[in-house]
PDB file of N, CA and C in Angstrom:
ATOM      1  N   MET A   1      -6.581 -19.641 -23.075  1.00  0.00           N
ATOM      2  CA  MET A   1      -5.669 -19.294 -21.923  1.00  0.00           C
ATOM      3  C   MET A   1      -6.463 -19.373 -20.711  1.00  0.00           C
ATOM      4  N   SER A   2      -5.566 -20.496 -19.961  1.00  0.00           N
ATOM      5  CA  SER A   2      -6.334 -20.902 -18.655  1.00  0.00           C
ATOM      6  C   SER A   2      -6.379 -19.628 -17.606  1.00  0.00           C
ATOM      7  N   ASP A   3      -7.220 -20.029 -16.482  1.00  0.00           N
ATOM      8  CA  ASP A   3      -7.307 -18.945 -15.541  1.00  0.00           C
ATOM      9  C   ASP A   3      -6.540 -19.055 -14.035  1.00  0.00           C
ATOM     10  N   THR A   4      -5.278 -19.983 -14.763  1.00  0.00           N
ATOM     11  CA  THR A   4      -4.398 -20.093 -13.664  1.00  0.00           C
ATOM     12  C   THR A   4      -2.929 -19.068 -13.864  1.00  0.00           C
ATOM     13  N   PRO A   5      -2.788 -18.362 -12.515  1.00  0.00           N
ATOM     14  CA  PRO A   5      -1.900 -17.400 -12.609  1.00  0.00           C
ATOM     15  C   PRO A   5      -0.713 -17.807 -13.209  1.00  0.00           C
ATOM     16  N   THR A   6       0.292 -17.240 -14.038  1.00  0.00           N
ATOM     17  CA  THR A   6       1.637 -17.219 -14.716  1.00  0.00           C
ATOM     18  C   THR A   6       2.458 -16.445 -14.629  1.00  0.00           C
ATOM     19  N   LYS A   7       3.711 -16.778 -14.689  1.00  0.00           N
ATOM     20  CA  LYS A   7       4.830 -15.709 -14.778  1.00  0.00           C
ATOM     21  C   LYS A   7       5.502 -15.772 -15.832  1.00  0.00           C
ATOM     22  N   ILE A   8       6.549 -14.893 -16.255  1.00  0.00           N
ATOM     23  CA  ILE A   8       7.198 -14.777 -17.437  1.00  0.00           C
ATOM     24  C   ILE A   8       8.278 -15.378 -16.908  1.00  0.00           C
ATOM     25  N   VAL A   9       8.929 -16.049 -17.981  1.00  0.00           N
ATOM     26  CA  VAL A   9      10.369 -16.510 -17.213  1.00  0.00           C
ATOM     27  C   VAL A   9      11.013 -16.054 -18.725  1.00  0.00           C
ATOM     28  N   VAL A  10      12.579 -15.089 -18.734  1.00  0.00           N
ATOM     29  CA  VAL A  10      13.303 -14.814 -19.649  1.00  0.00           C
ATOM     30  C   VAL A  10      14.469 -15.098 -19.669  1.00  0.00           C
ATOM     31  N   ASP A  11      15.164 -15.998 -20.327  1.00  0.00           N
ATOM     32  CA  ASP A  11      16.537 -16.756 -20.746  1.00  0.00           C
ATOM     33  C   ASP A  11      17.284 -15.263 -21.257  1.00  0.00           C
ATOM     34  N   CYS A  12      18.135 -14.619 -20.546  1.00  0.00           N
ATOM     35  CA  CYS A  12      18.931 -13.469 -20.975  1.00  0.00           C
ATOM     36  C   CYS A  12      19.782 -13.967 -22.204  1.00  0.00           C
ATOM     37  N   SER A  13      20.658 -14.934 -21.794  1.00  0.00           N
ATOM     38  CA  SER A  13      21.684 -15.270 -22.762  1.00  0.00           C
ATOM     39  C   SER A  13      21.193 -16.014 -24.057  1.00  0.00           C
ATOM     40  N   THR A  14      19.787 -16.591 -23.813  1.00  0.00           N
ATOM     41  CA  THR A  14      19.235 -16.927 -25.231  1.00  0.00           C
ATOM     42  C   THR A  14      18.355 -16.166 -25.775  1.00  0.00           C
ATOM     43  N   GLY A  15      17.765 -15.435 -24.965  1.00  0.00           N
ATOM     44  CA  GLY A  15      16.478 -14.668 -25.194  1.00  0.00           C
ATOM     45  C   GLY A  15      15.233 -15.190 -25.242  1.00  0.00           C
ATOM     46  N   ALA A  16      15.026 -16.425 -24.815  1.00  0.00           N
ATOM     47  CA  ALA A  16      13.719 -17.236 -25.042  1.00  0.00           C
ATOM     48  C   ALA A  16      12.940 -16.680 -23.753  1.00  0.00           C
ATOM     49  N   VAL A  17      11.722 -16.794 -24.772  1.00  0.00           N
ATOM     50  CA  VAL A  17      10.665 -15.983 -23.256  1.00  0.00           C
ATOM     51  C   VAL A  17       9.428 -17.351 -23.245  1.00  0.00           C
ATOM     52  N   GLU A  18       9.245 -17.297 -21.790  1.00  0.00           N
ATOM     53  CA  GLU A  18       8.794 -18.493 -21.628  1.00  0.00           C
ATOM     54  C   GLU A  18       7.066 -18.019 -20.353  1.00  0.00           C
ATOM     55  N   GLU A  19       6.273 -18.493 -21.188  1.00  0.00           N
ATOM     56  CA  GLU A  19       5.203 -18.351 -19.393  1.00  0.00           C
ATOM     57  C   GLU A  19       4.719 -19.824 -19.045  1.00  0.00           C
ATOM     58  N   VAL A  20       5.164 -19.672 -17.590  1.00  0.00           N
ATOM     59  CA  VAL A  20       5.027 -20.895 -16.921  1.00  0.00           C
ATOM     60  C   VAL A  20       3.894 -20.609 -15.811  1.00  0.00           C
ATOM     61  N   ALA A  21       3.294 -21.837 -15.697  1.00  0.00           N
ATOM     62  CA  ALA A  21       2.202 -21.566 -14.269  1.00  0.00           C
ATOM     63  C   ALA A  21       2.799 -21.657 -13.046  1.00  0.00           C
ATOM     64  N   LEU A  22       2.345 -20.859 -12.147  1.00  0.00           N
ATOM     65  CA  LEU A  22       2.735 -20.576 -11.004  1.00  0.00           C
ATOM     66  C   LEU A  22       2.277 -21.618 -10.101  1.00  0.00           C
ATOM     67  N   THR A  23       3.448 -22.070  -9.107  1.00  0.00           N
ATOM     68  CA  THR A  23       3.077 -23.389  -8.275  1.00  0.00           C
ATOM     69  C   THR A  23       2.156 -22.990  -7.107  1.00  0.00           C
ATOM     70  N   ALA A  24       1.964 -23.962  -6.675  1.00  0.00           N
ATOM     71  CA  ALA A  24       0.400 -23.770  -5.742  1.00  0.00           C
ATOM     72  C   ALA A  24       1.412 -22.528  -4.443  1.00  0.00           C
ATOM     73  N   GLU A  25       3.095 -23.080  -4.153  1.00  0.00           N
ATOM     74  CA  GLU A  25       3.654 -22.407  -2.754  1.00  0.00           C
ATOM     75  C   GLU A  25       3.527 -20.871  -3.486  1.00  0.00           C
ATOM     76  N   GLU A  26       3.807 -20.518  -4.791  1.00  0.00           N
ATOM     77  CA  GLU A  26       4.035 -19.248  -5.155  1.00  0.00           C
ATOM     78  C   GLU A  26       2.724 -18.632  -5.523  1.00  0.00           C
ATOM     79  N   ILE A  27       1.686 -19.570  -5.922  1.00  0.00           N
ATOM     80  CA  ILE A  27       0.439 -18.632  -5.616  1.00  0.00           C
ATOM     81  C   ILE A  27       0.070 -18.164  -3.926  1.00  0.00           C
ATOM     82  N   ALA A  28      -0.022 -19.512  -2.927  1.00  0.00           N
ATOM     83  CA  ALA A  28      -0.285 -18.861  -1.667  1.00  0.00           C
ATOM     84  C   ALA A  28       0.636 -17.517  -1.299  1.00  0.00           C
ATOM     85  N   GLN A  29       2.294 -17.424  -1.654  1.00  0.00           N
ATOM     86  CA  GLN A  29       3.005 -16.382  -1.477  1.00  0.00           C
ATOM     87  C   GLN A  29       2.331 -15.307  -2.089  1.00  0.00           C
ATOM     88  N   ARG A  30       1.985 -15.380  -3.078  1.00  0.00           N
ATOM     89  CA  ARG A  30       1.423 -13.959  -3.624  1.00  0.00           C
ATOM     90  C   ARG A  30       0.035 -13.566  -3.093  1.00  0.00           C
ATOM     91  N   GLU A  31      -1.077 -14.548  -2.356  1.00  0.00           N
ATOM     92  CA  GLU A  31      -2.059 -14.437  -1.568  1.00  0.00           C
ATOM     93  C   GLU A  31      -1.643 -13.556  -0.373  1.00  0.00           C
ATOM     94  N   ALA A  32      -0.475 -14.464   0.122  1.00  0.00           N
ATOM     95  CA  ALA A  32       0.018 -13.859   1.541  1.00  0.00           C
ATOM     96  C   ALA A  32       0.565 -12.618   1.272  1.00  0.00           C
ATOM     97  N   ASP A  33       1.181 -12.185   0.233  1.00  0.00           N
ATOM     98  CA  ASP A  33       1.827 -10.877  -0.036  1.00  0.00           C
ATOM     99  C   ASP A  33       0.899  -9.970   0.117  1.00  0.00           C
ATOM    100  N   ALA A  34      -0.153 -10.170  -0.990  1.00  0.00           N
ATOM    101  CA  ALA A  34      -1.212  -8.914  -1.064  1.00  0.00           C
ATOM    102  C   ALA A  34      -2.182  -8.792   0.298  1.00  0.00           C
ATOM    103  N   GLN A  35      -2.492  -9.723   0.996  1.00  0.00           N
ATOM    104  CA  GLN A  35      -3.173  -9.786   2.257  1.00  0.00           C
ATOM    105  C   GLN A  35      -2.137  -8.840   3.388  1.00  0.00           C
ATOM    106  N   ALA A  36      -0.955  -9.066   3.299  1.00  0.00           N
ATOM    107  CA  ALA A  36      -0.070  -8.170   4.137  1.00  0.00           C
ATOM    108  C   ALA A  36      -0.045  -6.762   3.699  1.00  0.00           C
ATOM    109  N   PHE A  37       0.028  -6.385   2.071  1.00  0.00           N
ATOM    110  CA  PHE A  37      -0.095  -5.083   1.923  1.00  0.00           C
ATOM    111  C   PHE A  37      -0.985  -4.840   2.006  1.00  0.00           C
ATOM    112  N   ALA A  38      -2.419  -4.995   2.076  1.00  0.00           N
ATOM    113  CA  ALA A  38      -3.735  -4.168   2.476  1.00  0.00           C
ATOM    114  C   ALA A  38      -3.514  -4.229   3.805  1.00  0.00           C
ATOM    115  N   ALA A  39      -3.263  -5.157   4.849  1.00  0.00           N
ATOM    116  CA  ALA A  39      -3.132  -4.684   6.521  1.00  0.00           C
ATOM    117  C   ALA A  39      -2.482  -3.505   6.523  1.00  0.00           C
ATOM    118  N   LYS A  40      -1.269  -3.640   5.910  1.00  0.00           N
ATOM    119  CA  LYS A  40      -0.313  -2.348   6.164  1.00  0.00           C
ATOM    120  C   LYS A  40      -0.848  -1.136   5.613  1.00  0.00           C
ATOM    121  N   GLN A  41      -1.560  -0.905   4.529  1.00  0.00           N
ATOM    122  CA  GLN A  41      -1.774  -0.004   3.881  1.00  0.00           C
ATOM    123  C   GLN A  41      -3.083   0.736   4.607  1.00  0.00           C
ATOM    124  N   HIS A  42      -4.187  -0.335   5.341  1.00  0.00           N
ATOM    125  CA  HIS A  42      -5.319  -0.241   6.248  1.00  0.00           C
ATOM    126  C   HIS A  42      -4.780   0.435   7.322  1.00  0.00           C
ATOM    127  N   GLU A  43      -3.741  -0.149   7.736  1.00  0.00           N
ATOM    128  CA  GLU A  43      -2.996   0.722   9.274  1.00  0.00           C
ATOM    129  C   GLU A  43      -2.339   2.173   8.802  1.00  0.00           C
ATOM    130  N   GLU A  44      -1.860   2.378   7.661  1.00  0.00           N
ATOM    131  CA  GLU A  44      -1.232   3.444   7.495  1.00  0.00           C
ATOM    132  C   GLU A  44      -2.720   4.615   7.398  1.00  0.00           C
ATOM    133  N   GLU A  45      -3.708   4.371   6.826  1.00  0.00           N
ATOM    134  CA  GLU A  45      -4.738   5.118   6.807  1.00  0.00           C
ATOM    135  C   GLU A  45      -5.206   5.331   7.948  1.00  0.00           C
ATOM    136  N   VAL A  46      -5.468   4.376   8.765  1.00  0.00           N
ATOM    137  CA  VAL A  46      -5.974   4.495   9.934  1.00  0.00           C
ATOM    138  C   VAL A  46      -4.997   5.489  11.103  1.00  0.00           C
ATOM    139  N   ALA A  47      -3.621   5.225  10.728  1.00  0.00           N
ATOM    140  CA  ALA A  47      -3.083   6.209  11.653  1.00  0.00           C
ATOM    141  C   ALA A  47      -2.618   7.833  10.970  1.00  0.00           C
ATOM    142  N   ALA A  48      -3.048   7.707   9.711  1.00  0.00           N
ATOM    143  CA  ALA A  48      -3.215   8.755   8.952  1.00  0.00           C
ATOM    144  C   ALA A  48      -4.461   9.728   9.833  1.00  0.00           C
ATOM    145  N   GLN A  49      -5.737   9.286   9.610  1.00  0.00           N
ATOM    146  CA  GLN A  49      -7.012   9.524  10.060  1.00  0.00           C
ATOM    147  C   GLN A  49      -6.744  10.100  11.375  1.00  0.00           C
ATOM    148  N   ALA A  50      -6.089   9.299  12.278  1.00  0.00           N
ATOM    149  CA  ALA A  50      -6.133   9.346  13.662  1.00  0.00           C
ATOM    150  C   ALA A  50      -4.854  10.901  13.799  1.00  0.00           C
ATOM    151  N   ALA A  51      -4.206  11.124  13.515  1.00  0.00           N
ATOM    152  CA  ALA A  51      -3.319  12.292  13.197  1.00  0.00           C
ATOM    153  C   ALA A  51      -4.047  13.671  12.658  1.00  0.00           C
ATOM    154  N   ALA A  52      -4.758  13.466  11.261  1.00  0.00           N
ATOM    155  CA  ALA A  52      -6.006  14.337  11.106  1.00  0.00           C
ATOM    156  C   ALA A  52      -6.800  14.959  12.001  1.00  0.00           C
ATOM    157  N   ASP A  53      -7.265  13.705  13.110  1.00  0.00           N
ATOM    158  CA  ASP A  53      -8.098  13.919  13.884  1.00  0.00           C
ATOM    159  C   ASP A  53      -7.626  14.822  15.394  1.00  0.00           C
ATOM    160  N   ALA A  54      -6.621  14.304  15.540  1.00  0.00           N
ATOM    161  CA  ALA A  54      -5.528  15.092  16.616  1.00  0.00           C
ATOM    162  C   ALA A  54      -5.513  16.438  16.223  1.00  0.00           C
ATOM    163  N   LYS A  55      -5.271  16.602  15.209  1.00  0.00           N
ATOM    164  CA  LYS A  55      -4.535  17.926  14.249  1.00  0.00           C
ATOM    165  C   LYS A  55      -5.847  19.069  14.585  1.00  0.00           C
ATOM    166  N   ALA A  56      -7.100  18.744  14.121  1.00  0.00           N
ATOM    167  CA  ALA A  56      -8.493  18.843  14.190  1.00  0.00           C
ATOM    168  C   ALA A  56      -8.950  19.488  15.527  1.00  0.00           C
ATOM    169  N   ALA A  57      -8.687  18.460  16.533  1.00  0.00           N
ATOM    170  CA  ALA A  57      -9.050  18.610  17.585  1.00  0.00           C
ATOM    171  C   ALA A  57      -8.409  19.561  18.539  1.00  0.00           C
ATOM    172  N   LEU A  58      -6.916  19.545  18.084  1.00  0.00           N
ATOM    173  CA  LEU A  58      -6.063  20.916  18.634  1.00  0.00           C
ATOM    174  C   LEU A  58      -6.240  22.280  18.114  1.00  0.00           C
ATOM    175  N   LEU A  59      -6.547  22.391  17.123  1.00  0.00           N
ATOM    176  CA  LEU A  59      -6.952  23.625  16.101  1.00  0.00           C
ATOM    177  C   LEU A  59      -8.307  24.412  16.881  1.00  0.00           C
ATOM    178  N   ALA A  60      -9.097  22.920  17.128  1.00  0.00           N
ATOM    179  CA  ALA A  60     -10.544  23.592  18.018  1.00  0.00           C
ATOM    180  C   ALA A  60     -10.484  24.060  18.836  1.00  0.00           C
ATOM    181  N   LYS A  61      -9.609  23.283  19.552  1.00  0.00           N
ATOM    182  CA  LYS A  61      -9.436  23.411  21.479  1.00  0.00           C
ATOM    183  C   LYS A  61      -8.272  25.035  21.337  1.00  0.00           C
ATOM    184  N   LEU A  62      -7.725  25.465  20.538  1.00  0.00           N
ATOM    185  CA  LEU A  62      -7.264  26.868  20.291  1.00  0.00           C
ATOM    186  C   LEU A  62      -7.737  27.830  19.789  1.00  0.00           C
ATOM    187  N   GLY A  63      -9.071  27.157  18.959  1.00  0.00           N
ATOM    188  CA  GLY A  63     -10.084  28.242  18.626  1.00  0.00           C
ATOM    189  C   GLY A  63      -9.317  28.976  17.202  1.00  0.00           C
ATOM    190  N   ILE A  64      -8.605  28.036  16.414  1.00  0.00           N
ATOM    191  CA  ILE A  64      -7.936  29.010  15.398  1.00  0.00           C
ATOM    192  C   ILE A  64      -8.135  27.946  14.123  1.00  0.00           C
ATOM    193  N   THR A  65      -8.038  28.284  12.973  1.00  0.00           N
ATOM    194  CA  THR A  65      -7.994  27.628  11.845  1.00  0.00           C
ATOM    195  C   THR A  65      -6.727  26.921  11.330  1.00  0.00           C
ATOM    196  N   ALA A  66      -6.908  25.844  10.343  1.00  0.00           N
ATOM    197  CA  ALA A  66      -5.377  25.351   9.847  1.00  0.00           C
ATOM    198  C   ALA A  66      -4.219  26.444   9.101  1.00  0.00           C
ATOM    199  N   ASP A  67      -5.311  27.532   8.777  1.00  0.00           N
ATOM    200  CA  ASP A  67      -4.568  28.448   7.995  1.00  0.00           C
ATOM    201  C   ASP A  67      -3.947  29.630   8.916  1.00  0.00           C
ATOM    202  N   GLU A  68      -4.801  29.812  10.021  1.00  0.00           N
ATOM    203  CA  GLU A  68      -4.191  30.470  11.054  1.00  0.00           C
ATOM    204  C   GLU A  68      -2.814  29.822  11.787  1.00  0.00           C
ATOM    205  N   ALA A  69      -2.982  28.782  11.901  1.00  0.00           N
ATOM    206  CA  ALA A  69      -2.055  28.076  12.585  1.00  0.00           C
ATOM    207  C   ALA A  69      -0.744  28.042  11.585  1.00  0.00           C
ATOM    208  N   LYS A  70      -0.770  28.005  10.304  1.00  0.00           N
ATOM    209  CA  LYS A  70      -0.050  28.205   9.269  1.00  0.00           C
ATOM    210  C   LYS A  70       0.815  29.627   9.532  1.00  0.00           C
ATOM    211  N   LEU A  71       0.375  30.395   9.590  1.00  0.00           N
ATOM    212  CA  LEU A  71       0.402  31.616   9.555  1.00  0.00           C
ATOM    213  C   LEU A  71       1.651  32.031  10.932  1.00  0.00           C
ATOM    214  N   LEU A  72       1.118  31.407  12.364  1.00  0.00           N
ATOM    215  CA  LEU A  72       2.020  31.443  13.614  1.00  0.00           C
ATOM    216  C   LEU A  72       3.313  30.699  13.487  1.00  0.00           C
ATOM    217  N   LEU A  73       3.181  29.527  12.383  1.00  0.00           N
ATOM    218  CA  LEU A  73       4.488  28.444  12.223  1.00  0.00           C
ATOM    219  C   LEU A  73       5.272  29.243  11.043  1.00  0.00           C
ATOM    220  N   ALA A  74       5.085  30.527  10.283  1.00  0.00           N
ATOM    221  CA  ALA A  74       5.368  31.096   9.235  1.00  0.00           C
ATOM    222  C   ALA A  74       6.733  31.941   9.798  1.00  0.00           C
TER     223      ALA A  74
END
């Protein structure tokens, strides 16, 4: 088996299954998609951390714990 990325092609009308090497364009698209996914995931992690930091700062400013804030909002 080679190190070339492959895809599985299934012909549903015949049931034939074939493993085909990806083209250079497909490989480039796969890499671009992986980079875009990683960037989006990083942005979401940064946003979640910023929200957590803002919440912690507000709780500290109010001088209450997260559990106490939950009680106030219940």
